[in-house]
Protein backbone atom coordinates (compact mmCIF):
# COMPACT_ATOMS: atom_id res chain seq x y z
CA MET A 1 96.82 29.13 -212.34
CA LYS A 2 93.67 31.14 -211.67
CA LYS A 3 92.30 33.16 -214.62
CA LYS A 4 92.16 37.01 -213.97
CA ILE A 5 88.82 38.83 -214.50
CA PRO A 6 89.04 42.18 -216.52
CA GLN A 7 88.75 45.30 -214.33
CA SER A 8 85.94 46.91 -216.40
CA ILE A 9 83.78 43.81 -216.02
CA SER A 10 84.56 43.75 -212.34
CA SER A 11 83.62 47.43 -211.95
CA THR A 12 80.38 46.88 -213.81
CA ILE A 13 79.45 43.93 -211.60
CA SER A 14 80.31 45.89 -208.47
CA ARG A 15 78.24 48.92 -209.67
CA LYS A 16 75.23 46.65 -210.28
CA ILE A 17 75.57 45.07 -206.89
CA ILE A 18 75.85 48.46 -205.21
CA ASN A 19 72.84 49.79 -207.13
CA GLN A 20 70.84 46.69 -206.07
CA ILE A 21 71.86 47.22 -202.47
CA PHE A 22 70.90 50.98 -202.61
CA SER A 23 67.58 50.01 -204.18
CA LEU A 24 66.88 47.52 -201.41
CA LEU A 25 67.75 50.22 -198.89
CA LYS A 26 65.54 52.67 -200.84
CA LEU A 27 68.43 55.02 -201.45
CA PRO A 28 69.32 56.82 -204.73
CA THR A 29 71.46 54.67 -206.96
CA ILE A 30 74.83 55.75 -208.29
CA ASP A 31 73.23 56.27 -211.71
CA ASN A 32 70.59 58.52 -210.19
CA LEU A 33 73.18 60.52 -208.32
CA GLU A 34 75.26 60.98 -211.43
CA THR A 35 72.21 62.10 -213.40
CA GLN A 36 71.27 64.59 -210.67
CA LEU A 37 74.86 65.85 -210.53
CA HIS A 38 74.90 66.31 -214.30
CA ASP A 39 71.56 68.18 -214.26
CA LYS A 40 72.68 70.34 -211.37
CA THR A 41 75.92 71.17 -213.11
CA GLU A 42 74.10 72.16 -216.28
CA GLN A 43 71.69 74.29 -214.21
CA LEU A 44 74.55 76.05 -212.45
CA GLU A 45 76.30 76.62 -215.72
CA GLN A 46 73.10 78.12 -217.15
CA ILE A 47 72.66 80.34 -214.09
CA TYR A 48 76.29 81.41 -214.36
CA ALA A 49 75.81 82.23 -218.05
CA GLN A 50 72.68 84.23 -217.26
CA GLN A 51 74.38 86.09 -214.42
CA LYS A 52 77.28 86.81 -216.71
CA ALA A 53 74.84 88.05 -219.34
CA ILE A 54 73.03 90.16 -216.75
CA TYR A 55 76.35 91.64 -215.62
CA ARG A 56 77.24 92.40 -219.23
CA VAL A 57 73.90 94.09 -219.85
CA ILE A 58 74.10 96.01 -216.56
CA SER A 59 77.60 97.19 -217.46
CA LYS A 60 76.30 98.53 -220.76
CA ILE A 61 73.38 100.18 -219.00
CA ARG A 62 75.69 101.94 -216.56
CA ALA A 63 78.11 102.94 -219.30
CA SER A 64 75.63 105.47 -220.68
CA LEU A 65 73.15 107.97 -219.32
CA ASP A 66 71.39 108.42 -222.64
CA LEU A 67 68.03 106.67 -222.33
CA GLU A 68 67.70 105.84 -226.02
CA THR A 69 71.13 104.23 -226.07
CA ILE A 70 70.43 102.34 -222.85
CA PHE A 71 67.10 100.90 -224.02
CA ARG A 72 68.27 100.05 -227.52
CA THR A 73 71.29 98.20 -226.13
CA THR A 74 69.29 96.46 -223.39
CA THR A 75 66.41 95.31 -225.59
CA LYS A 76 68.83 93.96 -228.21
CA GLU A 77 70.88 92.00 -225.64
CA THR A 78 67.78 90.72 -223.85
CA CYS A 79 66.12 89.64 -227.09
CA ARG A 80 69.09 87.53 -228.13
CA LEU A 81 69.83 86.08 -224.69
CA LEU A 82 66.23 84.98 -224.24
CA GLY A 83 66.04 83.70 -227.81
CA VAL A 84 62.79 85.53 -228.52
CA GLU A 85 61.67 87.51 -231.57
CA ARG A 86 61.03 90.91 -229.96
CA VAL A 87 61.67 92.86 -226.76
CA SER A 88 59.74 96.10 -226.29
CA VAL A 89 59.23 98.80 -223.67
CA TYR A 90 55.75 100.00 -222.75
CA ARG A 91 55.57 103.37 -220.95
CA PHE A 92 52.59 104.43 -218.80
CA ASN A 93 50.94 107.83 -219.07
CA GLU A 94 49.43 109.75 -216.16
CA ASP A 95 45.99 108.20 -216.86
CA TRP A 96 47.51 104.67 -216.85
CA GLY A 97 47.11 104.40 -220.58
CA GLY A 98 50.37 104.14 -222.46
CA GLU A 99 52.38 103.47 -225.56
CA PHE A 100 55.12 101.27 -226.90
CA VAL A 101 58.22 103.43 -227.36
CA GLY A 102 59.50 102.79 -230.86
CA ASP A 103 63.04 103.93 -230.05
CA PHE A 104 63.24 101.59 -227.05
CA GLU A 105 62.70 98.17 -228.72
CA PHE A 106 64.53 95.52 -230.72
CA ALA A 107 63.10 92.85 -233.06
CA GLU A 108 64.78 90.07 -235.00
CA VAL A 109 64.84 90.24 -238.79
CA GLY A 110 61.47 89.41 -240.26
CA TRP A 111 59.57 90.87 -237.34
CA ASP A 112 60.90 94.42 -237.48
CA GLU A 113 58.33 95.66 -240.00
CA LEU A 114 55.34 95.42 -237.69
CA GLU A 115 53.44 98.43 -236.39
CA PHE A 116 55.71 98.58 -233.34
CA THR A 117 58.69 99.91 -235.25
CA ASP A 118 59.88 103.54 -235.71
CA LYS A 119 56.96 105.17 -233.94
CA ASN A 120 55.28 105.20 -230.59
CA THR A 121 52.32 102.83 -230.74
CA VAL A 122 49.51 103.81 -228.37
CA TRP A 123 47.96 100.89 -226.51
CA ASN A 124 45.41 101.92 -223.92
CA ASP A 125 44.50 98.75 -222.03
CA CYS A 126 41.16 99.32 -220.30
CA TYR A 127 42.03 96.84 -217.55
CA LEU A 128 45.34 98.56 -216.78
CA GLN A 129 43.68 101.95 -216.80
CA LYS A 130 40.85 100.83 -214.57
CA HIS A 131 43.17 99.12 -212.07
CA GLN A 132 45.96 101.70 -212.39
CA GLY A 133 48.60 99.29 -213.63
CA GLY A 134 46.97 96.10 -212.34
CA ARG A 135 49.32 93.36 -211.15
CA TYR A 136 52.34 95.37 -212.24
CA ARG A 137 51.77 97.81 -209.38
CA ASN A 138 52.46 94.86 -207.06
CA ASN A 139 55.72 94.15 -208.88
CA GLU A 140 54.35 90.93 -210.42
CA THR A 141 55.31 89.44 -213.76
CA LEU A 142 52.91 87.99 -216.34
CA ILE A 143 53.74 84.87 -218.37
CA VAL A 144 51.67 83.66 -221.32
CA LYS A 145 52.92 80.62 -223.22
CA ASP A 146 50.12 80.70 -225.78
CA ILE A 147 47.51 83.43 -225.98
CA TYR A 148 44.91 80.95 -227.19
CA LYS A 149 45.35 78.75 -224.10
CA ALA A 150 45.60 81.45 -221.44
CA GLU A 151 41.89 82.13 -220.94
CA LEU A 152 42.24 85.71 -222.15
CA SER A 153 39.23 87.81 -223.10
CA GLN A 154 38.36 87.97 -226.77
CA CYS A 155 39.02 91.73 -226.97
CA HIS A 156 42.45 91.20 -225.44
CA ILE A 157 43.25 88.42 -227.92
CA GLU A 158 42.16 90.64 -230.80
CA ILE A 159 44.60 93.36 -229.68
CA LEU A 160 47.42 90.79 -229.40
CA GLU A 161 46.57 89.39 -232.82
CA GLN A 162 46.76 92.91 -234.24
CA PHE A 163 50.46 92.85 -233.35
CA HIS A 164 50.94 89.16 -234.23
CA ILE A 165 51.76 88.22 -230.63
CA ARG A 166 51.51 84.48 -229.79
CA ALA A 167 53.36 84.35 -226.46
CA TYR A 168 54.84 86.92 -224.07
CA ALA A 169 56.54 87.51 -220.74
CA THR A 170 56.36 90.91 -219.01
CA ALA A 171 58.05 92.48 -215.98
CA PRO A 172 57.34 95.89 -214.41
CA ILE A 173 59.82 98.77 -214.51
CA PHE A 174 59.81 100.88 -211.35
CA ILE A 175 61.41 104.24 -210.63
CA LYS A 176 61.74 104.26 -206.87
CA GLN A 177 58.19 103.34 -205.77
CA LYS A 178 56.44 104.49 -208.93
CA LEU A 179 55.42 102.15 -211.76
CA TRP A 180 57.03 103.65 -214.87
CA GLY A 181 56.46 100.98 -217.52
CA ILE A 182 56.76 97.35 -218.61
CA LEU A 183 59.60 95.37 -220.18
CA ALA A 184 58.01 92.80 -222.52
CA ALA A 185 59.45 89.81 -224.41
CA TYR A 186 57.33 88.59 -227.34
CA GLN A 187 57.19 85.50 -229.53
CA HIS A 188 55.32 86.08 -232.81
CA SER A 189 55.68 82.87 -234.78
CA LYS A 190 54.65 80.20 -232.22
CA PRO A 191 53.95 79.47 -228.55
CA HIS A 192 56.92 79.70 -226.18
CA GLU A 193 57.89 77.87 -222.99
CA TRP A 194 59.17 80.49 -220.58
CA GLU A 195 61.76 79.01 -218.25
CA THR A 196 61.97 80.31 -214.70
CA SER A 197 65.54 81.48 -215.23
CA ALA A 198 64.46 83.48 -218.29
CA VAL A 199 61.69 85.18 -216.31
CA ILE A 200 64.13 85.96 -213.50
CA PHE A 201 66.56 87.34 -216.05
CA LEU A 202 63.80 89.53 -217.58
CA THR A 203 62.83 90.77 -214.10
CA GLN A 204 66.40 91.66 -213.18
CA ILE A 205 66.87 93.57 -216.43
CA ALA A 206 63.61 95.48 -215.74
CA VAL A 207 64.98 96.45 -212.30
CA GLN A 208 68.21 97.75 -213.84
CA LEU A 209 66.26 99.70 -216.45
CA GLY A 210 64.35 101.35 -213.62
CA PHE A 211 67.67 102.42 -212.07
CA ALA A 212 68.86 103.69 -215.47
CA VAL A 213 65.70 105.73 -216.04
CA GLN A 214 65.97 107.17 -212.53
CA GLN A 215 69.61 108.19 -213.09
CA ALA A 216 68.83 109.63 -216.51
CA GLU A 217 65.91 111.62 -215.13
CA GLN A 218 68.05 112.87 -212.24
CA LEU A 219 70.74 113.89 -214.71
CA ALA A 220 68.16 115.57 -216.94
CA GLU A 221 66.78 117.36 -213.87
CA VAL A 222 70.26 118.53 -212.86
CA GLU A 223 71.00 119.62 -216.42
CA GLN A 224 67.66 121.46 -216.58
CA GLN A 225 68.39 123.12 -213.24
CA ALA A 226 71.81 124.16 -214.55
CA LYS A 227 70.20 125.42 -217.73
CA ASP A 228 67.56 127.30 -215.72
CA LEU A 229 70.26 128.80 -213.50
CA GLN A 230 72.26 129.83 -216.55
CA ALA A 231 69.16 131.32 -218.17
CA ALA A 232 68.26 133.09 -214.91
CA SER A 233 71.81 134.39 -214.62
CA GLN A 234 71.72 135.61 -218.19
CA GLN A 235 68.35 137.23 -217.62
CA GLN A 236 69.57 138.93 -214.45
CA MET A 237 72.68 140.17 -216.25
CA ILE A 238 70.53 141.55 -219.08
CA LEU A 239 68.20 143.10 -216.50
CA PHE A 240 71.17 144.63 -214.67
CA ASN A 241 72.60 146.06 -217.90
CA LEU A 242 69.22 147.45 -218.93
CA ILE A 243 68.69 149.02 -215.52
CA SER A 244 72.16 150.59 -215.75
CA GLU A 245 71.37 151.93 -219.19
CA ILE A 246 68.00 153.22 -218.00
CA ARG A 247 69.74 155.12 -215.20
CA GLU A 248 72.51 156.44 -217.44
CA SER A 249 70.40 157.42 -220.41
CA LEU A 250 66.83 158.57 -220.76
CA ASP A 251 66.85 158.51 -224.55
CA LEU A 252 63.69 156.46 -225.11
CA ASP A 253 64.49 155.46 -228.70
CA THR A 254 67.77 153.89 -227.56
CA LEU A 255 66.10 152.21 -224.59
CA PHE A 256 63.33 150.82 -226.80
CA LYS A 257 65.74 149.23 -229.27
CA THR A 258 68.07 147.86 -226.60
CA THR A 259 65.24 146.44 -224.51
CA ALA A 260 63.51 144.70 -227.42
CA LYS A 261 66.74 143.12 -228.67
CA GLU A 262 68.05 141.92 -225.30
CA VAL A 263 64.72 140.57 -224.05
CA ARG A 264 64.11 138.57 -227.23
CA LYS A 265 67.60 137.09 -226.92
CA ALA A 266 67.16 136.27 -223.23
CA LEU A 267 63.76 134.59 -223.66
CA GLU A 268 64.53 133.06 -227.08
CA SER A 269 61.19 134.32 -228.30
CA ASP A 270 60.15 135.12 -231.87
CA ARG A 271 59.31 138.79 -231.34
CA VAL A 272 59.55 141.41 -228.62
CA GLY A 273 57.77 144.68 -229.25
CA ILE A 274 57.03 147.90 -227.40
CA PHE A 275 53.51 149.12 -228.11
CA ARG A 276 52.40 152.67 -227.40
CA PHE A 277 48.80 153.83 -227.09
CA ASN A 278 47.59 157.00 -228.73
CA PRO A 279 46.80 159.22 -225.68
CA GLU A 280 43.57 160.42 -227.27
CA SER A 281 42.25 156.97 -228.29
CA ASN A 282 41.00 155.72 -224.91
CA TYR A 283 43.37 152.73 -225.34
CA CYS A 284 41.68 151.57 -228.53
CA TYR A 285 44.37 152.70 -230.93
CA GLY A 286 48.18 152.66 -231.07
CA GLU A 287 51.25 151.23 -232.79
CA PHE A 288 54.51 149.39 -232.15
CA VAL A 289 57.29 151.94 -231.72
CA SER A 290 60.13 149.41 -231.43
CA GLU A 291 60.68 145.68 -231.94
CA SER A 292 63.16 142.86 -232.37
CA VAL A 293 61.81 140.03 -234.55
CA LEU A 294 63.17 136.96 -236.29
CA PRO A 295 63.49 137.46 -240.06
CA VAL A 296 60.96 134.72 -240.86
CA TYR A 297 58.13 136.71 -239.27
CA ASP A 298 56.49 139.96 -240.35
CA SER A 299 57.50 143.23 -238.77
CA ALA A 300 54.88 144.94 -236.60
CA LEU A 301 56.50 148.38 -236.75
CA SER A 302 54.38 151.34 -237.85
CA ILE A 303 51.27 149.17 -238.25
CA LYS A 304 48.26 151.01 -236.85
CA VAL A 305 46.36 148.76 -234.45
CA ASN A 306 42.68 149.34 -233.74
CA ASP A 307 41.46 147.07 -230.95
CA TYR A 308 38.21 148.33 -229.47
CA CYS A 309 37.86 145.09 -227.51
CA PHE A 310 41.02 145.97 -225.59
CA GLY A 311 40.00 149.54 -224.95
CA GLU A 312 36.51 148.64 -223.80
CA GLN A 313 37.17 145.48 -221.77
CA TYR A 314 40.85 144.97 -220.92
CA ALA A 315 42.58 148.36 -220.61
CA ILE A 316 41.26 149.09 -217.13
CA TYR A 317 42.81 145.86 -215.79
CA TYR A 318 46.18 146.59 -217.36
CA GLN A 319 46.07 150.08 -215.90
CA GLN A 320 45.77 148.40 -212.50
CA GLY A 321 48.94 146.36 -213.17
CA ARG A 322 47.49 143.16 -214.63
CA MET A 323 49.69 141.06 -216.91
CA GLN A 324 48.58 138.51 -219.50
CA VAL A 325 50.30 135.15 -219.98
CA LEU A 326 48.92 133.02 -222.83
CA THR A 327 50.35 129.62 -223.69
CA ASP A 328 47.91 129.22 -226.60
CA ILE A 329 45.71 132.06 -227.83
CA TYR A 330 43.10 129.60 -229.14
CA ASN A 331 42.58 128.00 -225.73
CA ALA A 332 42.51 131.19 -223.66
CA GLY A 333 38.85 132.15 -223.93
CA LEU A 334 39.59 135.28 -225.95
CA LYS A 335 36.93 137.02 -227.99
CA ASP A 336 37.08 136.72 -231.76
CA CYS A 337 37.92 140.40 -232.22
CA HIS A 338 40.96 140.01 -229.97
CA ILE A 339 42.11 136.83 -231.71
CA GLU A 340 41.86 138.55 -235.07
CA VAL A 341 44.29 141.23 -233.89
CA LEU A 342 46.73 138.60 -232.57
CA GLU A 343 46.51 136.59 -235.80
CA GLN A 344 47.44 139.72 -237.72
CA PHE A 345 50.90 139.42 -236.12
CA GLN A 346 51.15 135.59 -236.38
CA ILE A 347 51.00 135.24 -232.59
CA LYS A 348 50.46 131.78 -231.04
CA ALA A 349 51.47 132.56 -227.43
CA GLN A 350 52.43 135.74 -225.62
CA ILE A 351 53.26 137.61 -222.43
CA ILE A 352 51.86 141.14 -222.15
CA MET A 353 53.04 143.53 -219.42
CA PRO A 354 51.64 147.04 -218.91
CA LEU A 355 54.01 150.00 -219.09
CA ILE A 356 52.82 152.67 -216.68
CA MET A 357 53.87 156.31 -216.75
CA GLY A 358 52.78 157.98 -213.56
CA SER A 359 49.29 156.65 -213.01
CA LYS A 360 48.40 156.20 -216.69
CA LEU A 361 48.77 153.23 -219.02
CA TRP A 362 51.42 154.36 -221.51
CA GLY A 363 51.80 151.15 -223.52
CA LEU A 364 52.58 147.44 -223.44
CA LEU A 365 55.70 145.27 -223.39
CA CYS A 366 54.85 142.36 -225.72
CA ILE A 367 56.69 139.02 -225.93
CA HIS A 368 55.40 136.93 -228.83
CA GLN A 369 55.81 133.28 -229.76
CA CYS A 370 54.81 132.90 -233.39
CA GLU A 371 55.91 129.39 -234.38
CA ASN A 372 53.78 127.48 -231.89
CA SER A 373 52.25 127.59 -228.43
CA ARG A 374 54.60 127.90 -225.46
CA GLU A 375 54.65 127.17 -221.76
CA TRP A 376 56.16 130.22 -220.06
CA THR A 377 58.24 129.40 -216.98
CA PRO A 378 57.86 131.24 -213.65
CA ALA A 379 61.43 132.55 -214.04
CA GLU A 380 60.60 134.02 -217.45
CA ILE A 381 57.45 135.67 -216.13
CA ARG A 382 59.34 137.07 -213.15
CA PHE A 383 62.03 138.44 -215.47
CA VAL A 384 59.44 140.21 -217.63
CA LYS A 385 57.77 141.70 -214.54
CA GLN A 386 61.07 143.08 -213.25
CA LEU A 387 61.94 144.51 -216.63
CA ALA A 388 58.54 146.16 -217.11
CA ALA A 389 58.79 147.76 -213.67
CA GLN A 390 62.18 149.27 -214.51
CA PHE A 391 60.95 150.37 -217.90
CA SER A 392 57.99 152.13 -216.33
CA VAL A 393 60.42 153.98 -214.06
CA ALA A 394 62.40 155.02 -217.16
CA LEU A 395 59.21 156.29 -218.81
CA GLU A 396 58.36 158.36 -215.74
CA HIS A 397 61.90 159.75 -215.53
CA SER A 398 61.86 160.53 -219.23
CA HIS A 399 58.51 162.28 -218.85
CA LEU A 400 59.83 164.32 -215.94
CA LEU A 401 62.98 165.14 -217.89
CA ALA A 402 60.90 166.24 -220.88
CA GLN A 403 58.80 168.44 -218.60
CA THR A 404 61.95 169.85 -217.01
CA ARG A 405 63.47 170.54 -220.40
CA LEU A 406 60.25 172.18 -221.57
CA GLN A 407 60.16 174.33 -218.47
CA ALA A 408 63.86 175.11 -218.91
CA ASN A 409 63.25 176.09 -222.53
CA GLU A 410 60.31 178.25 -221.52
CA LEU A 411 62.40 179.81 -218.76
CA GLY A 412 65.24 180.31 -221.24
CA HIS A 413 62.90 182.06 -223.65
CA THR A 414 61.60 184.16 -220.78
CA LEU A 415 65.15 185.05 -219.73
CA ASP A 416 66.07 185.87 -223.33
CA ALA A 417 63.03 188.09 -223.59
CA LEU A 418 63.89 189.67 -220.25
CA GLN A 419 67.48 190.23 -221.30
CA GLU A 420 66.32 191.72 -224.57
CA ALA A 421 63.92 193.96 -222.68
CA ASN A 422 66.72 194.93 -220.30
CA LEU A 423 68.96 195.68 -223.25
CA LYS A 424 66.22 197.80 -224.75
CA LEU A 425 65.73 199.58 -221.45
CA GLU A 426 69.47 200.00 -221.13
CA ARG A 427 69.69 201.34 -224.66
CA LEU A 428 66.74 203.62 -223.95
CA ALA A 429 68.44 204.75 -220.76
CA ARG A 430 71.64 205.50 -222.71
CA LEU A 431 70.05 206.99 -225.82
CA ASP A 432 68.67 210.43 -226.35
CA GLY A 433 64.97 210.10 -227.00
CA LEU A 434 64.93 212.66 -229.81
CA THR A 435 68.11 212.05 -231.81
CA GLN A 436 68.61 208.34 -230.87
CA ILE A 437 72.29 208.93 -230.20
CA PRO A 438 73.90 208.41 -226.76
CA ASN A 439 72.65 210.79 -224.08
CA ARG A 440 74.48 212.81 -221.45
CA ARG A 441 74.46 209.90 -218.98
CA TYR A 442 76.19 207.53 -221.35
CA PHE A 443 78.55 210.32 -222.42
CA ASP A 444 79.74 210.68 -218.83
CA GLU A 445 80.22 206.88 -218.40
CA PHE A 446 82.04 206.45 -221.69
CA LEU A 447 84.31 209.50 -221.20
CA ASP A 448 85.32 208.22 -217.73
CA GLN A 449 86.07 204.76 -219.21
CA GLU A 450 88.17 206.16 -222.06
CA TRP A 451 89.98 208.62 -219.75
CA ARG A 452 91.16 205.68 -217.61
CA ARG A 453 92.04 203.51 -220.61
CA MET A 454 94.06 206.27 -222.34
CA ALA A 455 95.79 207.00 -219.03
CA ARG A 456 96.95 203.36 -218.83
CA GLN A 457 98.03 203.33 -222.48
CA LYS A 458 99.46 206.92 -222.29
CA GLN A 459 97.63 207.86 -225.50
CA PHE A 460 95.88 211.08 -226.59
CA LEU A 461 92.20 211.64 -225.85
CA SER A 462 90.31 214.45 -227.64
CA LEU A 463 86.93 215.98 -226.90
CA ILE A 464 84.85 218.13 -229.28
CA MET A 465 81.98 220.24 -227.92
CA LEU A 466 79.69 221.70 -230.61
CA ASP A 467 76.66 223.97 -230.41
CA VAL A 468 74.06 225.04 -233.00
CA ASP A 469 74.40 228.72 -233.76
CA TYR A 470 71.38 230.95 -233.03
CA PHE A 471 69.21 227.92 -232.32
CA LYS A 472 66.79 229.80 -230.04
CA LEU A 473 66.01 232.17 -232.91
CA TYR A 474 65.48 229.14 -235.16
CA ASN A 475 62.97 227.70 -232.69
CA ASP A 476 61.23 231.03 -232.32
CA LEU A 477 60.94 231.38 -236.06
CA TYR A 478 59.99 227.82 -237.10
CA GLY A 479 58.64 226.32 -233.89
CA HIS A 480 59.87 223.50 -231.66
CA GLN A 481 58.89 220.68 -234.05
CA GLU A 482 61.07 222.06 -236.79
CA GLY A 483 63.72 222.70 -234.20
CA ASP A 484 63.64 219.04 -233.23
CA LYS A 485 63.94 217.98 -236.88
CA CYS A 486 66.93 220.26 -237.24
CA LEU A 487 68.68 218.68 -234.26
CA ILE A 488 67.98 215.16 -235.61
CA LYS A 489 69.54 216.04 -238.98
CA ILE A 490 72.60 217.55 -237.30
CA ALA A 491 73.03 214.44 -235.07
CA HIS A 492 72.76 211.98 -237.98
CA THR A 493 75.08 214.04 -240.19
CA ALA A 494 77.74 214.35 -237.48
CA GLN A 495 77.46 210.60 -236.79
CA GLU A 496 78.20 209.79 -240.44
CA VAL A 497 81.46 211.75 -240.26
CA LEU A 498 82.83 209.52 -237.47
CA LYS A 499 84.59 206.48 -238.97
CA CYS A 500 86.27 204.82 -235.99
CA PRO A 501 84.00 202.45 -233.99
CA ALA A 502 85.53 203.75 -230.76
CA ASP A 503 84.46 207.34 -231.49
CA LEU A 504 81.32 208.49 -229.72
CA LEU A 505 78.81 211.25 -230.58
CA ALA A 506 76.43 212.21 -227.75
CA ARG A 507 73.81 214.84 -227.09
CA TYR A 508 75.25 216.89 -224.29
CA GLY A 509 72.13 218.97 -223.69
CA GLY A 510 69.68 221.14 -225.62
CA GLU A 511 71.32 222.06 -228.95
CA GLU A 512 74.80 221.10 -227.67
CA PHE A 513 76.60 217.89 -228.75
CA ALA A 514 79.91 216.26 -227.77
CA VAL A 515 82.33 213.95 -229.61
CA ILE A 516 84.85 211.69 -227.78
CA LEU A 517 87.86 210.66 -229.91
CA SER A 518 90.17 208.01 -228.38
CA ASN A 519 93.78 207.65 -229.58
CA THR A 520 93.38 210.98 -231.39
CA ASP A 521 95.86 213.85 -231.17
CA GLN A 522 95.19 217.57 -231.65
CA SER A 523 95.79 217.59 -235.40
CA ARG A 524 93.42 214.74 -236.11
CA ALA A 525 90.80 216.12 -233.72
CA CYS A 526 90.81 219.44 -235.58
CA GLU A 527 90.37 217.58 -238.88
CA VAL A 528 87.33 215.70 -237.55
CA ALA A 529 85.84 218.94 -236.18
CA ALA A 530 86.29 220.69 -239.53
CA GLN A 531 84.64 217.74 -241.34
CA ILE A 532 81.62 217.90 -239.03
CA GLN A 533 81.36 221.68 -239.49
CA SER A 534 81.47 221.33 -243.27
CA ALA A 535 78.92 218.49 -243.30
CA ILE A 536 76.43 220.53 -241.27
CA LYS A 537 76.80 223.55 -243.54
CA ALA A 538 76.36 221.24 -246.55
CA LEU A 539 72.88 220.38 -245.27
CA GLY A 540 71.84 223.91 -246.18
CA ILE A 541 69.11 224.10 -243.55
CA PRO A 542 67.50 227.56 -244.00
CA HIS A 543 68.05 229.97 -241.07
CA PRO A 544 67.41 233.67 -241.82
CA SER A 545 69.25 234.70 -238.64
CA GLY A 546 72.28 232.46 -239.22
CA LYS A 547 75.47 233.08 -241.09
CA GLY A 548 74.80 232.78 -244.78
CA GLN A 549 71.14 232.29 -243.82
CA ILE A 550 71.72 228.59 -243.09
CA VAL A 551 72.19 226.60 -239.90
CA THR A 552 75.84 226.52 -238.73
CA ILE A 553 77.66 225.18 -235.66
CA SER A 554 80.49 226.35 -233.40
CA LEU A 555 83.05 223.83 -232.08
CA GLY A 556 85.48 223.79 -229.14
CA ILE A 557 88.24 221.15 -228.93
CA ALA A 558 90.45 219.85 -226.08
CA THR A 559 93.24 217.22 -226.31
CA GLN A 560 95.22 215.58 -223.46
CA ILE A 561 97.13 212.48 -222.47
CA PRO A 562 95.11 211.62 -219.34
CA SER A 563 96.92 211.16 -216.03
CA LEU A 564 96.11 210.90 -212.34
CA THR A 565 97.14 214.52 -211.81
CA ARG A 566 94.41 215.79 -214.13
CA THR A 567 90.62 215.44 -213.87
CA LEU A 568 87.76 214.98 -216.30
CA HIS A 569 86.15 218.12 -214.99
CA THR A 570 89.17 220.17 -216.11
CA PHE A 571 89.25 218.37 -219.45
CA ILE A 572 85.57 219.08 -220.19
CA GLY A 573 86.07 222.65 -219.02
CA GLN A 574 88.86 223.15 -221.57
CA ALA A 575 86.61 222.02 -224.45
CA ASP A 576 83.79 224.14 -223.13
CA LYS A 577 86.03 227.22 -222.94
CA ALA A 578 87.19 226.62 -226.49
CA LEU A 579 83.51 226.43 -227.60
CA TYR A 580 82.75 229.63 -225.76
CA GLN A 581 85.69 231.24 -227.48
CA ALA A 582 84.38 230.07 -230.86
CA LYS A 583 81.01 231.69 -230.16
CA GLN A 584 82.67 234.88 -229.00
CA GLN A 585 84.71 234.89 -232.18
CA GLY A 586 81.62 235.08 -234.35
CA ARG A 587 80.33 231.47 -234.45
CA ASP A 588 80.58 229.01 -237.37
CA CYS A 589 84.17 228.18 -236.45
CA CYS A 590 86.41 225.64 -234.59
CA ILE A 591 88.72 226.58 -231.69
CA HIS A 592 91.21 224.23 -229.94
CA PHE A 593 91.85 224.98 -226.28
CA SER A 594 95.58 225.14 -226.86
CA MET A 595 95.00 228.21 -229.08
CA ILE A 596 93.16 230.27 -226.47
CA SER A 597 96.30 231.49 -224.70
CA GLN A 598 97.74 232.72 -227.99
CA ASP A 599 96.36 235.32 -230.34
CA VAL A 600 93.07 233.43 -230.80
CA LYS A 601 91.83 233.02 -234.32
CA SER A 602 89.63 230.61 -236.16
CA PHE A 603 90.80 227.96 -238.53
């Protein structure tokens, strides 16, 4: 029986034979093929792991639009996947200098206390500045396994030693076609062999960071545009409201306060003030008449400002419509005298707009930034211009209104004076020049008025006619001046007897007087007549030719309820006939017309 050979030994013998045959044929042996397959498999597995890591990092990048979060996450993941001690981000400036962004890096424990951490470290590489980014502009990477074996310049090595860098790999970060910065992996403790896959991984991460920065900047731009639109909308709404208020009210104090408050809120400034020049100061002197200011800053109200620099050098330009926009008063080329005035109010930046009334510079609209300097946006400047223009219109309207009111007041005073003069003239026209009681003209008007009124009311109207007895003899004896004095005394005395405001005493002519008594019957009229007669006698005016050698009067009375069938002429005639009868009866007596037809006698 033939002895069986073990299969493993047989396989080994066959493998050796096959390998010998492949060697003779100059072909790869089975062992070589297996080794290559194993290496290839490991390489593919490594590539797969890196691609998976890249995908994971990219997913985290795209999960956020906050740059700080993106870079912190990315640098941490990249640092650990590459097995290095630090990953940092270098950002270029406009002059191709730059800085390491402290918030955008990650370092393993033990290397996180270097100068890189927690602040932006400026590193202006002369080569990069001179060549405007150097190789990185061509999207090239830079690999250094050991700084002491890379043929670097001594100054470059000294900078790297300052940050304890022994080896590094860098890849550019682009935003569209613009070089934005560099993603750098560093080894501090020893040299480092940078594998191709690691460099590819670093490059791919740098590309994704470029996309992330681009998206974040686009988002920031959109957000800024939205913010600008919102601010512009708010400013336009405030402008619209102020314009409405300007058109509805020309009360300057209210407009000043409202304007200062709303403008400061719209521009988020530290102070807004309205400054008014003293008209007689040639624009060298004035004060703030209204303001809105944050509590942490001093108020400018009521502070007298003397600025001869402004009056002598700047006022003429503001009168022509010039505005001043200062982002920093110390870098604006201002004279020391002007800066001293601005420092008095803690001003660091400002916008100044002229307020014009007519063709003259009335004052200034002042927007102050006191905390620090400030870049004023075109929209803010445009808003202030629009507001100042409307405010100038309000000033002009207010000035015109003030002039109109002044003219109206003057016209009112003139009309009052004219009315008073007319009243005086009217009173003079109605008054007797000597006795200052109503004259014959007013007597006629008043009697006609009362005749009609009593006719409507069907009430009694009485008329007393009285005459000074022997007055011609009195004048002949004492002269006309004494005669006038006598008439004045008689008029005043008779006036004092009348108690009812509606009763009227008038000079009828010469030494004759008349009394109109409304709502007065015959009995009461006779009482009033008797009281007047007694009062005149009580004066005791000497008259040698009169009864009892004193001045006396004779009185005739008529009483009627007026109607359309009777006339004033008849009524006056009755009183006159009664007076005539009193004179015929011996004077110094009272006769009522109703008594004439009877056996006439005095009473």
